[in-house]
Protein backbone atom coordinates (compact mmCIF):
# COMPACT_ATOMS: atom_id res chain seq x y z
CA MET A 1 84.40 35.75 4.46
CA ALA A 2 84.52 39.54 4.33
CA ALA A 3 84.45 41.63 7.47
CA GLY A 4 80.94 42.61 8.45
CA SER A 5 79.36 39.75 6.46
CA GLU A 6 78.35 37.87 9.60
CA GLY A 7 74.62 37.39 10.03
CA ALA A 8 72.76 39.89 12.16
CA GLY A 9 72.93 39.05 15.83
CA SER A 10 75.77 36.56 15.54
CA GLY A 11 78.77 38.81 16.16
CA PRO A 12 80.69 39.32 19.38
CA GLY A 13 78.73 41.08 22.09
CA THR A 14 75.31 39.85 20.94
CA ASP A 15 72.87 37.98 23.14
CA PHE A 16 73.66 34.75 21.30
CA ASP A 17 77.39 35.16 21.99
CA ARG A 18 76.81 36.02 25.68
CA SER A 19 74.60 32.97 26.25
CA ARG A 20 77.40 30.76 24.95
CA LYS A 21 79.94 32.41 27.28
CA ASP A 22 77.67 31.95 30.33
CA ARG A 23 77.51 28.22 29.75
CA THR A 24 79.90 25.96 31.52
CA PRO A 25 81.92 23.52 29.40
CA GLN A 26 79.68 20.75 30.78
CA GLY A 27 76.54 22.09 29.05
CA GLY A 28 74.89 24.53 31.44
CA THR A 29 74.64 25.73 35.00
CA VAL A 30 72.47 24.47 37.83
CA GLU A 31 70.48 27.71 37.69
CA GLN A 32 69.82 27.28 33.97
CA ALA A 33 68.72 23.70 34.54
CA LYS A 34 66.39 24.80 37.35
CA GLU A 35 64.88 27.48 35.11
CA ALA A 36 64.33 24.93 32.34
CA CYS A 37 62.57 22.64 34.84
CA LEU A 38 60.39 25.47 36.13
CA ARG A 39 59.30 26.30 32.57
CA LEU A 40 58.35 22.66 32.03
CA LEU A 41 56.52 22.46 35.36
CA ALA A 42 54.57 25.63 34.53
CA VAL A 43 52.92 23.74 31.67
CA ARG A 44 51.99 20.60 33.65
CA ALA A 45 53.19 18.46 36.52
CA ARG A 46 56.01 16.10 35.58
CA SER A 47 57.86 13.23 37.19
CA ARG A 48 61.48 13.51 38.22
CA ALA A 49 62.47 11.08 35.45
CA GLU A 50 60.65 13.14 32.81
CA LEU A 51 62.49 16.28 33.90
CA ALA A 52 65.84 14.45 33.94
CA GLN A 53 65.21 13.17 30.44
CA ARG A 54 64.30 16.63 29.14
CA LEU A 55 67.41 18.16 30.72
CA ALA A 56 69.58 15.44 29.17
CA THR A 57 68.17 16.22 25.72
CA LYS A 58 69.02 19.89 26.31
CA GLY A 59 72.63 18.90 26.97
CA TYR A 60 72.88 19.20 30.74
CA THR A 61 75.27 16.81 32.43
CA PRO A 62 74.00 14.19 34.88
CA GLU A 63 75.69 16.07 37.75
CA ILE A 64 74.05 19.40 36.89
CA THR A 65 70.72 17.65 36.32
CA GLU A 66 70.83 15.83 39.66
CA GLU A 67 71.76 19.00 41.56
CA ALA A 68 68.94 21.01 39.95
CA LEU A 69 66.37 18.27 40.51
CA SER A 70 67.47 17.79 44.13
CA ARG A 71 67.06 21.49 44.82
CA LEU A 72 63.59 21.53 43.27
CA ALA A 73 62.60 18.39 45.19
CA GLY A 74 63.93 19.97 48.38
CA VAL A 75 61.44 22.82 48.10
CA GLY A 76 58.58 20.49 47.12
CA LEU A 77 58.32 21.31 43.42
CA ILE A 78 59.13 17.75 42.38
CA ASP A 79 57.25 14.96 44.16
CA ASP A 80 56.68 11.72 42.26
CA ALA A 81 54.11 10.44 44.78
CA ALA A 82 51.98 13.57 44.41
CA PHE A 83 52.49 13.54 40.63
CA ALA A 84 51.33 9.91 40.43
CA ALA A 85 48.25 10.58 42.58
CA GLU A 86 47.28 13.60 40.48
CA TRP A 87 47.93 11.76 37.20
CA VAL A 88 45.88 8.72 38.23
CA HIS A 89 42.96 10.81 39.44
CA ALA A 90 42.83 12.96 36.31
CA ARG A 91 43.30 10.15 33.79
CA HIS A 92 40.78 7.87 35.51
CA THR A 93 38.18 10.57 36.03
CA PHE A 94 38.42 12.48 32.76
CA SER A 95 39.86 9.95 30.28
CA GLY A 96 38.25 6.83 31.71
CA LYS A 97 41.51 4.90 31.92
CA GLY A 98 41.62 1.64 33.88
CA LYS A 99 44.27 0.63 36.38
CA GLN A 100 46.32 -1.40 33.91
CA ALA A 101 46.66 1.50 31.47
CA LEU A 102 47.43 3.94 34.28
CA ALA A 103 50.15 1.66 35.68
CA GLN A 104 51.73 1.47 32.23
CA GLU A 105 51.58 5.26 31.78
CA LEU A 106 53.25 5.82 35.14
CA ARG A 107 56.00 3.31 34.27
CA ARG A 108 56.65 5.20 31.02
CA LYS A 109 56.90 8.43 33.00
CA GLY A 110 59.54 6.91 35.27
CA VAL A 111 57.48 6.79 38.49
CA ASP A 112 58.70 4.01 40.77
CA ARG A 113 56.50 1.06 41.70
CA ALA A 114 55.84 2.17 45.27
CA ASP A 115 54.55 5.60 44.25
CA SER A 116 52.54 4.05 41.40
CA ALA A 117 50.98 1.42 43.65
CA ALA A 118 49.97 4.00 46.25
CA ALA A 119 48.32 6.17 43.60
CA LEU A 120 46.54 3.25 41.95
CA ASP A 121 45.23 2.04 45.31
CA ALA A 122 43.20 5.26 45.46
CA ILE A 123 40.94 3.75 42.78
CA SER A 124 38.69 1.18 44.39
CA SER A 125 37.24 -1.78 42.50
CA ASP A 126 33.82 -0.16 42.78
CA ASP A 127 35.13 3.13 41.32
CA GLU A 128 36.71 1.29 38.42
CA ALA A 129 33.56 -0.75 37.75
CA GLU A 130 31.37 2.37 37.89
CA ARG A 131 33.63 4.26 35.48
CA ALA A 132 33.66 1.27 33.10
CA ALA A 133 29.85 1.05 33.26
CA ASP A 134 29.58 4.76 32.48
CA LEU A 135 31.83 4.32 29.44
CA VAL A 136 29.75 1.37 28.24
CA ARG A 137 26.48 3.29 28.66
CA ARG A 138 27.88 6.19 26.64
CA LYS A 139 29.17 3.90 23.90
CA LEU A 140 25.85 2.02 23.73
CA ARG A 141 24.15 5.24 22.60
CA SER A 142 26.25 5.31 19.42
CA ILE A 143 25.98 1.62 18.49
CA PRO A 144 23.45 1.02 15.70
CA ALA A 145 20.23 -0.69 16.71
CA GLY A 146 19.81 -4.23 15.46
CA LEU A 147 23.53 -5.06 15.58
CA ASP A 148 24.23 -8.65 16.61
CA ARG A 149 24.50 -8.98 20.42
CA GLU A 150 27.80 -10.90 20.22
CA LYS A 151 29.29 -8.22 17.99
CA VAL A 152 28.19 -5.49 20.41
CA LEU A 153 29.64 -7.49 23.31
CA ARG A 154 33.01 -7.86 21.54
CA ARG A 155 33.14 -4.17 20.61
CA LEU A 156 32.38 -2.98 24.14
CA VAL A 157 34.75 -5.41 25.84
CA GLY A 158 37.45 -4.41 23.35
CA MET A 159 36.84 -0.72 24.03
CA LEU A 160 37.29 -1.26 27.77
CA ALA A 161 40.35 -3.45 27.24
CA ARG A 162 42.01 -0.72 25.16
CA ARG A 163 41.39 1.70 28.00
CA GLY A 164 43.16 -0.58 30.48
CA TYR A 165 40.34 -2.44 32.19
CA SER A 166 40.86 -6.11 33.02
CA GLN A 167 39.15 -8.59 30.74
CA SER A 168 37.05 -10.05 33.55
CA LEU A 169 35.83 -6.64 34.72
CA ALA A 170 35.11 -5.56 31.14
CA PHE A 171 33.12 -8.70 30.39
CA THR A 172 31.14 -8.47 33.66
CA VAL A 173 30.30 -4.78 33.20
CA VAL A 174 29.34 -5.15 29.54
CA LYS A 175 27.05 -8.12 30.22
CA ALA A 176 25.36 -6.23 33.05
CA GLU A 177 24.87 -3.09 30.97
CA LEU A 178 23.56 -5.05 27.98
CA ALA A 179 21.07 -6.84 30.24
CA ALA A 180 19.95 -3.50 31.70
CA ASP A 181 19.64 -2.01 28.20
CA GLU A 182 17.31 -4.76 26.97
């Protein structure tokens, strides 16, 4: 390769070259890892496990990751219990998710069972039944008139089941709403 044929911005002294020199052989510094976490947290709240996973994909070592996450947790920027409570409230209220679906989502996000259980306990049985009834009432508006009652029942129970409501709750709510609709 001839001298001067390097691509623009890739020679010595460029920003690209400096960023490589600032990196430790292990894949990054604690400060860089903290900055990466702060950028992710600026978009939305995240669990500690989500942040650890994202840092690992960026090439940070487990030691650097743990140090950065511990510092952020120390100042209250990472709190899985608060994350779980916020997640459950938002997903139940705005997406109509039931407890089963929410528990599964929190498991996928790496929130431990104790934090998940505490957040899910914030949803009472009455709250869950009321949210399910609201979803059924909304769905009933779009179901064609004259459709077989059993078919409507199956569709509505299936809709609630896909959203994470227990089969018994779904069946009870749908039967009650169908009776009220008639």
